[in-house]
Amino acid sequence: MSEQSRRPHKPGKPYRRPHKDPVRILAFDALRAVDERDAYANLVLPPLLRKAREKGDFDVRDAALATELVYGTLRRQGTYDAIIAACVDRPLREVDPPVLDVLSLGAHQLLGTRIPTHAAVSASVELARVVLGDGRAKFVNAVLRKVAQHDLDGWLATVAPPYDEDPEDHLAIVHSHPRWVVSALWDSLGGGRAGIEDLLEADNERPEVTLVARPGRADTQELLREDAAVPGRWSPYAVRLTEGGEPGAIDAVRESRAGVQDEGSQLVALALAGAPLDGPDEKWLDGCAGPGGKAALLGALAAQRGAVLLAAEKQPHRAGLVARALHGNPGPYQVVAADGTRPPWRPGSFDRVLVDVPCTGLGALRRRPEARWRRRPEDLEGFAPLQRALLRGALDSVRVGGVVGYATCSPHLAETRAVVDDVLKQRPHTELIDARPLLPGVPALGAGPDIQLWPHLHGTDAMYLALIRRTA
């Protein structure tokens, strides 16, 4: 029996095979992996793109479009869900997730790109025919034709409540963040509509790739020879790739002499390295070193001073990543699999200690947009005991006169100042160091003594840093 005779079709109308668009199929596969396996797009997408290029299906423009479709859909998921909900005749939770992924991809093409309306609808319907079947493709077609009746501004005026009536819900829908995240970020900023809107919008912008030239192993001049490379804004070791590109194709990155590292993370390491000490400066510790970016920069900075870095990471596989990042460090170092809440080394062993604690990751929503939809307020309760235990372990590990840096990639007050305040109340022989002078030239660092970086103000992830000296 032929393929045509097996397929139902109207009399006199021959069956037409659906057109397989490799770009949109890849984007759909990436979204399904994010949804089904809780994968991160920045980990799923590169191997899919590499495989497509090896098969000869993709050129540079195809890869760019697939990347935009995946990240754009994930960033605007909350907005598109509200719009799609207004165009279907059932609760959104009753729409099968694969169908919703196709609808979201279509909505992004219609409302978030310059793809013509007809092309966006027809391409989405063809994708539905390939991955869902003809019956569901008709549903996709009907819904997207409704979506296409308005542009994004028109839909937002319809589905978002007025700001004056419900400011948090308005911002959540317009800027595609969960309401509780909007509220938490607003609290961290200290109020004001302009600041929160700027921050939420910055979270929805595609971040540049930022490289770090590891001192003694590479310099920025080498990296600046790359296409569309410009110096970093704040870190003397940073280089930004303004047009993206593939860092893995750069010799210095491939050889671990340089790495991909947000400038905020670089600033955290630089501030700790520059903090004034009382006494010797010979032994440094990175107590939560995985996957190794900060450890590699700290190791290089320590080598310049004749200091030794110990990089500790609880998870053995992540300790392996740290070892890879540090391989070739110009000075002595050691990588161990160890739990920073129960340090195996003697108390007071180190002059400088960094503890970059696990957190909700709300400071890196530009890079991991799907994280905003996975996190829940109750996650804060799960991280809180660990964050406090790691800071206590770090304070135990530093000698009198030494400095601890408590860092986290979250601006949520429950993960930043609340942790520091709670732990220091129990540790009277400590003092906060004003970290702001250690980042000369970086504006808008707040009232201190701690530091909160912001995407909309600094072009970095929302890294937090408190520097603490042990006094007795």
Protein backbone atom coordinates (compact mmCIF):
# COMPACT_ATOMS: atom_id res chain seq x y z
CA MET A 1 0.00 0.00 0.00
CA SER A 2 1.40 3.38 -0.96
CA GLU A 3 1.97 6.24 1.50
CA GLN A 4 -0.68 8.24 -0.29
CA SER A 5 -3.32 5.50 -0.04
CA ARG A 6 -2.69 5.07 3.72
CA ARG A 7 -3.35 8.75 4.43
CA PRO A 8 -6.93 10.06 4.63
CA HIS A 9 -7.59 12.83 2.18
CA LYS A 10 -10.39 14.46 0.36
CA PRO A 11 -11.47 12.77 -2.88
CA GLY A 12 -9.70 14.22 -5.85
CA LYS A 13 -7.12 15.98 -3.66
CA PRO A 14 -3.83 14.07 -3.58
CA TYR A 15 -1.92 13.86 -0.31
CA ARG A 16 0.99 16.29 -0.06
CA ARG A 17 3.96 15.37 2.06
CA PRO A 18 4.74 18.03 4.67
CA HIS A 19 7.77 20.14 4.02
CA LYS A 20 10.53 19.36 6.50
CA ASP A 21 12.17 22.58 7.59
CA PRO A 22 15.40 21.60 9.41
CA VAL A 23 15.67 24.96 11.21
CA ARG A 24 12.24 24.81 12.80
CA ILE A 25 12.44 21.08 13.50
CA LEU A 26 15.71 21.68 15.37
CA ALA A 27 14.14 24.55 17.33
CA PHE A 28 11.18 22.32 18.24
CA ASP A 29 13.52 19.50 19.34
CA ALA A 30 15.42 21.92 21.56
CA LEU A 31 12.22 23.18 23.21
CA ARG A 32 11.02 19.63 23.80
CA ALA A 33 14.33 18.76 25.49
CA VAL A 34 14.00 21.82 27.73
CA ASP A 35 10.45 20.84 28.65
CA GLU A 36 10.74 17.07 28.94
CA ARG A 37 14.21 16.67 30.44
CA ASP A 38 14.56 19.95 32.33
CA ALA A 39 17.54 20.59 30.08
CA TYR A 40 19.06 24.03 29.62
CA ALA A 41 18.93 25.52 26.15
CA ASN A 42 22.55 26.67 26.33
CA LEU A 43 23.57 23.02 26.81
CA VAL A 44 21.07 21.43 24.41
CA LEU A 45 21.36 23.78 21.45
CA PRO A 46 25.11 23.70 20.62
CA PRO A 47 25.30 19.93 19.97
CA LEU A 48 22.11 20.06 17.90
CA LEU A 49 23.57 22.88 15.79
CA ARG A 50 26.89 21.09 15.44
CA LYS A 51 25.18 17.90 14.26
CA ALA A 52 23.08 19.84 11.75
CA ARG A 53 26.18 21.53 10.33
CA GLU A 54 27.98 18.21 10.05
CA LYS A 55 25.04 16.83 8.06
CA GLY A 56 25.23 19.83 5.74
CA ASP A 57 21.71 21.01 6.63
CA PHE A 58 22.73 24.34 8.14
CA ASP A 59 24.64 27.44 7.20
CA VAL A 60 25.44 30.40 9.45
CA ARG A 61 22.09 32.09 8.84
CA ASP A 62 20.19 28.89 9.62
CA ALA A 63 22.04 28.53 12.91
CA ALA A 64 21.32 32.15 13.80
CA LEU A 65 17.60 31.72 13.05
CA ALA A 66 17.34 28.49 15.04
CA THR A 67 19.09 30.14 17.99
CA GLU A 68 16.75 33.14 17.87
CA LEU A 69 13.67 30.91 17.66
CA VAL A 70 14.70 28.87 20.72
CA TYR A 71 15.90 31.66 22.97
CA GLY A 72 13.27 34.16 21.86
CA THR A 73 10.47 31.68 22.50
CA LEU A 74 11.81 30.79 25.94
CA ARG A 75 12.34 34.41 26.96
CA ARG A 76 8.84 35.47 25.93
CA GLN A 77 7.08 32.30 27.01
CA GLY A 78 4.95 34.01 29.65
CA THR A 79 3.78 36.68 27.22
CA TYR A 80 3.05 34.16 24.48
CA ASP A 81 1.19 31.87 26.90
CA ALA A 82 -1.15 34.76 27.79
CA ILE A 83 -1.75 35.53 24.12
CA ILE A 84 -2.26 31.91 23.08
CA ALA A 85 -4.64 31.42 26.03
CA ALA A 86 -6.79 34.19 24.58
CA CYS A 87 -6.93 32.35 21.24
CA VAL A 88 -7.87 28.82 22.33
CA ASP A 89 -11.17 27.46 23.61
CA ARG A 90 -9.76 25.52 26.56
CA PRO A 91 -7.47 26.14 29.53
CA LEU A 92 -3.86 26.29 28.42
CA ARG A 93 -2.93 23.41 30.73
CA GLU A 94 -5.16 21.17 28.59
CA VAL A 95 -3.15 21.88 25.44
CA ASP A 96 -0.57 19.13 24.90
CA PRO A 97 2.96 20.45 25.56
CA PRO A 98 4.30 19.58 22.07
CA VAL A 99 1.38 21.47 20.51
CA LEU A 100 2.03 24.41 22.81
CA ASP A 101 5.69 24.43 21.77
CA VAL A 102 4.72 24.69 18.11
CA LEU A 103 2.23 27.44 18.92
CA SER A 104 4.84 29.34 20.93
CA LEU A 105 7.38 29.08 18.12
CA GLY A 106 4.74 30.39 15.75
CA ALA A 107 3.78 33.21 18.09
CA HIS A 108 7.40 34.29 18.37
CA GLN A 109 7.78 34.36 14.60
CA LEU A 110 4.61 36.43 14.30
CA LEU A 111 5.17 38.83 17.19
CA GLY A 112 8.88 38.82 17.90
CA THR A 113 10.61 38.64 14.51
CA ARG A 114 10.42 40.28 11.09
CA ILE A 115 9.27 37.08 9.41
CA PRO A 116 6.22 37.94 7.24
CA THR A 117 2.89 36.85 8.65
CA HIS A 118 2.06 34.39 5.88
CA ALA A 119 5.49 32.77 6.08
CA ALA A 120 5.34 32.50 9.88
CA VAL A 121 1.93 30.81 9.85
CA SER A 122 2.63 28.48 6.94
CA ALA A 123 6.04 27.43 8.32
CA SER A 124 4.49 26.69 11.71
CA VAL A 125 1.67 24.66 10.17
CA GLU A 126 4.18 22.65 8.12
CA LEU A 127 6.19 22.02 11.29
CA ALA A 128 3.01 20.83 13.01
CA ARG A 129 2.27 18.45 10.13
CA VAL A 130 5.76 16.94 10.49
CA VAL A 131 5.95 16.62 14.27
CA LEU A 132 2.27 16.45 15.30
CA GLY A 133 0.24 15.20 12.35
CA ASP A 134 -2.36 16.73 10.05
CA GLY A 135 -5.16 16.90 12.62
CA ARG A 136 -3.22 18.99 15.12
CA ALA A 137 -1.78 21.07 12.31
CA LYS A 138 -5.30 22.34 11.61
CA PHE A 139 -5.60 23.42 15.25
CA VAL A 140 -2.22 25.19 15.03
CA ASN A 141 -3.33 26.94 11.85
CA ALA A 142 -6.56 28.18 13.44
CA VAL A 143 -4.87 29.47 16.59
CA LEU A 144 -2.01 31.23 14.81
CA ARG A 145 -4.39 32.97 12.44
CA LYS A 146 -6.03 34.47 15.52
CA VAL A 147 -2.63 35.43 16.94
CA ALA A 148 -1.78 37.14 13.66
CA GLN A 149 -4.76 39.51 13.98
CA HIS A 150 -2.76 41.88 16.24
CA ASP A 151 0.84 42.90 16.69
CA LEU A 152 2.61 42.49 20.04
CA ASP A 153 1.59 45.91 21.37
CA GLY A 154 -2.00 45.26 20.42
CA TRP A 155 -2.02 41.93 22.24
CA LEU A 156 -0.36 43.37 25.34
CA ALA A 157 -3.04 46.04 25.54
CA THR A 158 -5.56 43.20 25.53
CA VAL A 159 -4.05 40.52 27.82
CA ALA A 160 -2.07 42.57 30.36
CA PRO A 161 -3.95 44.41 33.13
CA PRO A 162 -3.31 48.16 33.31
CA TYR A 163 -0.25 49.09 35.32
CA ASP A 164 -2.25 51.28 37.68
CA GLU A 165 -4.58 48.41 38.56
CA ASP A 166 -2.01 45.64 39.08
CA PRO A 167 1.57 46.76 38.45
CA GLU A 168 3.21 43.41 39.19
CA ASP A 169 0.90 41.40 36.94
CA HIS A 170 1.22 44.05 34.22
CA LEU A 171 5.01 43.83 34.32
CA ALA A 172 4.93 40.02 34.52
CA ILE A 173 2.94 39.69 31.29
CA VAL A 174 4.51 42.56 29.36
CA HIS A 175 8.08 41.52 30.23
CA SER A 176 7.50 37.77 30.49
CA HIS A 177 8.62 37.02 34.04
CA PRO A 178 6.72 35.12 36.75
CA ARG A 179 4.95 37.53 39.07
CA TRP A 180 6.94 36.39 42.13
CA VAL A 181 10.20 37.06 40.30
CA VAL A 182 9.03 40.56 39.35
CA SER A 183 8.19 41.22 43.00
CA ALA A 184 11.55 39.90 44.26
CA LEU A 185 13.60 41.86 41.73
CA TRP A 186 11.63 45.00 42.48
CA ASP A 187 12.36 44.63 46.20
CA SER A 188 16.06 44.17 45.46
CA LEU A 189 16.15 47.30 43.33
CA GLY A 190 14.42 49.34 46.01
CA GLY A 191 11.35 50.44 44.04
CA GLY A 192 10.71 52.70 41.08
CA ARG A 193 9.02 51.75 37.80
CA ALA A 194 11.81 52.78 35.45
CA GLY A 195 14.44 50.60 37.12
CA ILE A 196 12.37 47.42 37.22
CA GLU A 197 11.22 47.83 33.61
CA ASP A 198 14.81 48.38 32.47
CA LEU A 199 15.94 45.28 34.36
CA LEU A 200 13.16 43.04 33.06
CA GLU A 201 13.79 44.21 29.52
CA ALA A 202 17.53 43.58 29.91
CA ASP A 203 16.71 40.01 30.99
CA ASN A 204 15.00 39.55 27.62
CA GLU A 205 17.94 40.75 25.55
CA ARG A 206 20.40 38.32 24.05
CA PRO A 207 23.67 38.73 25.98
CA GLU A 208 27.00 39.12 24.27
CA VAL A 209 29.58 36.38 24.61
CA THR A 210 32.26 37.59 27.03
CA LEU A 211 35.72 36.05 27.20
CA VAL A 212 38.36 36.25 29.92
CA ALA A 213 42.07 36.29 29.12
CA ARG A 214 43.62 34.36 32.01
CA PRO A 215 46.67 36.29 33.26
CA GLY A 216 50.00 34.71 32.45
CA ARG A 217 48.38 32.47 29.83
CA ALA A 218 46.72 34.83 27.37
CA ASP A 219 46.19 38.56 26.96
CA THR A 220 43.35 40.63 25.65
CA GLN A 221 45.29 41.72 22.58
CA GLU A 222 45.27 38.14 21.32
CA LEU A 223 41.51 37.87 21.82
CA LEU A 224 40.85 41.27 20.28
CA ARG A 225 42.13 39.96 16.97
CA GLU A 226 38.93 37.91 16.69
CA ASP A 227 36.11 39.18 14.48
CA ALA A 228 33.83 41.77 16.15
CA ALA A 229 35.82 41.62 19.41
CA VAL A 230 35.91 44.70 21.65
CA PRO A 231 37.34 45.28 25.13
CA GLY A 232 35.21 44.55 28.16
CA ARG A 233 33.50 47.38 29.97
CA TRP A 234 35.01 46.90 33.42
CA SER A 235 37.40 43.98 33.75
CA PRO A 236 40.91 44.45 32.32
CA TYR A 237 40.83 40.79 31.28
CA ALA A 238 37.47 40.87 29.47
CA VAL A 239 36.80 40.85 25.73
CA ARG A 240 33.28 40.95 24.28
CA LEU A 241 32.26 39.25 21.04
CA THR A 242 29.61 41.66 19.79
CA GLU A 243 28.35 39.36 17.04
CA GLY A 244 28.33 36.12 18.95
CA GLY A 245 30.51 33.55 17.23
CA GLU A 246 31.82 30.23 18.46
CA PRO A 247 34.23 30.62 21.37
CA GLY A 248 35.28 26.99 21.02
CA ALA A 249 36.85 27.82 17.66
CA ILE A 250 39.24 30.32 19.29
CA ASP A 251 42.68 28.84 19.97
CA ALA A 252 43.10 30.46 23.39
CA VAL A 253 39.71 29.16 24.55
CA ARG A 254 40.29 25.69 23.17
CA GLU A 255 43.62 25.57 25.02
CA SER A 256 42.06 26.90 28.28
CA ARG A 257 44.32 29.96 28.21
CA ALA A 258 41.10 31.95 27.96
CA GLY A 259 37.51 31.09 28.76
CA VAL A 260 33.91 32.17 28.42
CA GLN A 261 33.09 34.13 31.56
CA ASP A 262 30.57 36.86 32.26
CA GLU A 263 32.21 40.11 33.29
CA GLY A 264 30.31 40.08 36.58
CA SER A 265 32.02 36.84 37.57
CA GLN A 266 35.37 38.33 36.64
CA LEU A 267 34.68 41.36 38.85
CA VAL A 268 33.86 39.13 41.82
CA ALA A 269 37.22 37.36 41.51
CA LEU A 270 39.08 40.64 41.01
CA ALA A 271 37.47 42.23 44.07
CA LEU A 272 38.38 39.29 46.29
CA ALA A 273 41.93 39.26 44.93
CA GLY A 274 42.27 43.00 45.57
CA ALA A 275 40.83 43.09 49.09
CA PRO A 276 43.33 44.37 51.71
CA LEU A 277 44.73 41.74 54.07
CA ASP A 278 46.43 41.84 57.44
CA GLY A 279 49.39 39.48 57.20
CA PRO A 280 50.57 36.96 54.57
CA ASP A 281 48.93 36.35 51.20
CA GLU A 282 50.00 32.83 50.29
CA LYS A 283 47.02 30.45 50.35
CA TRP A 284 43.75 30.98 48.51
CA LEU A 285 40.62 28.82 48.49
CA ASP A 286 37.72 28.59 46.07
CA GLY A 287 35.25 26.66 48.20
CA CYS A 288 32.54 26.10 45.54
CA ALA A 289 34.72 25.95 42.46
CA GLY A 290 32.58 24.15 39.88
CA PRO A 291 32.56 24.48 36.93
CA GLY A 292 35.85 26.37 37.22
CA GLY A 293 35.60 29.80 35.64
CA LYS A 294 36.31 31.84 38.76
CA ALA A 295 38.85 29.27 39.96
CA ALA A 296 40.82 29.62 36.72
CA LEU A 297 40.95 33.40 37.05
CA LEU A 298 41.79 33.24 40.76
CA GLY A 299 44.48 30.65 40.08
CA ALA A 300 46.12 32.91 37.52
CA LEU A 301 45.92 35.94 39.82
CA ALA A 302 47.33 33.91 42.72
CA ALA A 303 50.23 32.75 40.54
CA GLN A 304 51.21 36.37 39.89
CA ARG A 305 51.77 36.80 43.64
CA GLY A 306 53.36 33.45 44.34
CA ALA A 307 50.23 32.22 46.11
CA VAL A 308 48.71 28.73 45.87
CA LEU A 309 45.04 28.07 45.03
CA LEU A 310 43.04 25.16 46.38
CA ALA A 311 39.87 24.64 44.34
CA ALA A 312 37.26 22.52 46.13
CA GLU A 313 34.07 21.18 44.57
CA LYS A 314 31.70 18.70 46.21
CA GLN A 315 30.56 16.93 43.03
CA PRO A 316 33.37 14.80 41.52
CA HIS A 317 32.26 15.35 37.92
CA ARG A 318 32.24 19.12 38.46
CA ALA A 319 35.64 18.87 40.13
CA GLY A 320 36.79 17.35 36.85
CA LEU A 321 35.56 20.45 35.01
CA VAL A 322 37.49 22.62 37.47
CA ALA A 323 40.65 20.61 36.84
CA ARG A 324 40.21 21.08 33.11
CA ALA A 325 39.79 24.84 33.49
CA LEU A 326 42.89 25.11 35.69
CA HIS A 327 45.08 22.84 33.55
CA GLY A 328 48.13 24.85 32.49
CA ASN A 329 47.79 27.42 35.29
CA PRO A 330 51.13 29.29 35.57
CA GLY A 331 51.40 28.70 39.32
CA PRO A 332 50.77 25.84 41.76
CA TYR A 333 47.22 24.74 42.48
CA GLN A 334 45.25 21.74 43.66
CA VAL A 335 41.72 20.53 42.86
CA VAL A 336 39.87 18.38 45.39
CA ALA A 337 36.39 16.92 45.68
CA ALA A 338 35.34 18.25 49.08
CA ASP A 339 32.24 19.59 50.84
CA GLY A 340 32.67 23.21 51.85
CA THR A 341 30.09 22.81 54.64
CA ARG A 342 32.36 20.23 56.28
CA PRO A 343 35.87 21.33 55.30
CA PRO A 344 38.52 18.58 55.40
CA TRP A 345 41.31 21.14 55.87
CA ARG A 346 42.32 22.69 59.17
CA PRO A 347 40.47 25.82 60.35
CA GLY A 348 42.17 29.10 59.55
CA SER A 349 44.23 27.61 56.69
CA PHE A 350 43.64 30.29 54.06
CA ASP A 351 44.30 33.98 53.51
CA ARG A 352 41.56 34.50 50.91
CA VAL A 353 38.42 32.41 50.46
CA LEU A 354 35.74 32.65 47.78
CA VAL A 355 32.43 30.87 48.22
CA ASP A 356 30.14 31.31 45.20
CA VAL A 357 27.12 29.49 46.56
CA PRO A 358 24.42 27.52 44.72
CA CYS A 359 21.32 29.67 44.24
CA THR A 360 18.17 30.21 42.20
CA GLY A 361 20.19 31.74 39.35
CA LEU A 362 17.82 34.70 39.04
CA GLY A 363 20.80 36.85 38.16
CA ALA A 364 21.48 34.96 34.93
CA LEU A 365 18.05 34.93 33.31
CA ARG A 366 19.52 36.47 30.15
CA ARG A 367 21.59 33.34 29.62
CA ARG A 368 19.17 30.76 30.99
CA PRO A 369 15.72 32.17 30.22
CA GLU A 370 14.00 28.87 30.99
CA ALA A 371 15.15 29.11 34.62
CA ARG A 372 12.56 31.80 35.33
CA TRP A 373 9.77 29.32 34.59
CA ARG A 374 11.29 26.45 36.58
CA ARG A 375 12.07 28.24 39.80
CA ARG A 376 9.47 28.56 42.55
CA PRO A 377 9.46 30.73 45.69
CA GLU A 378 9.85 27.60 47.80
CA ASP A 379 13.22 26.94 46.13
CA LEU A 380 14.62 29.73 48.31
CA GLU A 381 13.90 27.65 51.39
CA GLY A 382 15.86 24.76 49.92
CA PHE A 383 18.94 26.85 49.18
CA ALA A 384 18.95 28.88 52.40
CA PRO A 385 20.49 26.29 54.79
CA LEU A 386 23.19 25.37 52.28
CA GLN A 387 24.11 28.99 51.59
CA ARG A 388 24.48 29.73 55.28
CA ALA A 389 26.44 26.55 55.94
CA LEU A 390 28.85 27.33 53.10
CA LEU A 391 29.45 30.84 54.39
CA ARG A 392 30.07 29.51 57.91
CA GLY A 393 32.50 26.95 56.46
CA ALA A 394 34.31 29.70 54.57
CA LEU A 395 34.64 31.81 57.73
CA ASP A 396 36.03 28.79 59.56
CA SER A 397 38.54 28.24 56.75
CA VAL A 398 40.01 31.75 56.68
CA ARG A 399 42.67 32.87 59.15
CA VAL A 400 42.37 35.89 61.42
CA GLY A 401 43.02 38.94 59.24
CA GLY A 402 42.02 37.08 56.10
CA VAL A 403 39.08 37.81 53.80
CA VAL A 404 36.05 35.80 52.66
CA GLY A 405 34.07 36.67 49.56
CA TYR A 406 30.43 35.52 49.62
CA ALA A 407 29.07 35.57 46.07
CA THR A 408 25.92 34.45 44.36
CA CYS A 409 24.37 34.86 40.92
CA SER A 410 21.09 36.11 42.32
CA PRO A 411 19.90 39.54 43.42
CA HIS A 412 17.16 38.07 45.62
CA LEU A 413 17.54 39.57 49.09
CA ALA A 414 16.88 36.18 50.68
CA GLU A 415 20.03 34.85 48.98
CA THR A 416 22.23 37.90 49.45
CA ARG A 417 22.04 40.26 52.40
CA ALA A 418 19.77 38.04 54.47
CA VAL A 419 22.33 35.24 54.37
CA VAL A 420 25.25 37.51 55.22
CA ASP A 421 23.37 39.28 58.01
CA ASP A 422 22.17 36.02 59.59
CA VAL A 423 25.61 34.42 59.61
CA LEU A 424 27.49 37.49 60.82
CA LYS A 425 25.09 37.91 63.74
CA GLN A 426 26.49 34.61 64.99
CA ARG A 427 30.08 35.60 64.22
CA PRO A 428 30.95 38.70 66.23
CA HIS A 429 34.63 38.60 65.26
CA THR A 430 33.99 39.62 61.65
CA GLU A 431 33.57 42.86 59.75
CA LEU A 432 32.25 43.79 56.32
CA ILE A 433 34.73 45.41 53.96
CA ASP A 434 33.54 48.09 51.56
CA ALA A 435 33.91 46.28 48.23
CA ARG A 436 33.10 49.26 46.02
CA PRO A 437 36.62 50.84 45.89
CA LEU A 438 37.95 47.49 44.69
CA LEU A 439 36.06 47.93 41.40
CA PRO A 440 37.34 51.32 40.23
CA GLY A 441 35.39 52.84 37.37
CA VAL A 442 32.33 50.64 37.84
CA PRO A 443 29.32 52.94 38.46
CA ALA A 444 26.05 52.49 40.35
CA LEU A 445 27.34 50.08 43.00
CA GLY A 446 24.87 51.26 45.61
CA ALA A 447 25.35 52.28 49.22
CA GLY A 448 27.73 49.42 50.04
CA PRO A 449 29.56 47.89 51.70
CA ASP A 450 28.42 44.95 49.57
CA ILE A 451 28.02 45.03 45.78
CA GLN A 452 25.08 44.17 43.55
CA LEU A 453 25.69 44.18 39.81
CA TRP A 454 22.78 44.47 37.33
CA PRO A 455 22.26 43.59 33.66
CA HIS A 456 20.59 46.94 32.88
CA LEU A 457 23.21 49.03 34.68
CA HIS A 458 26.45 47.12 34.10
CA GLY A 459 25.76 44.76 31.20
CA THR A 460 26.64 41.81 33.46
CA ASP A 461 24.77 39.05 35.20
CA ALA A 462 23.24 40.18 38.50
CA MET A 463 26.15 39.02 40.65
CA TYR A 464 26.25 39.80 44.35
CA LEU A 465 29.39 40.06 46.47
CA ALA A 466 30.01 40.71 50.18
CA LEU A 467 33.61 40.82 51.47
CA ILE A 468 34.10 39.82 55.11
CA ARG A 469 37.27 40.07 57.19
CA ARG A 470 37.79 37.76 60.13
CA THR A 471 39.03 39.89 63.01
CA ALA A 472 39.57 37.29 65.74
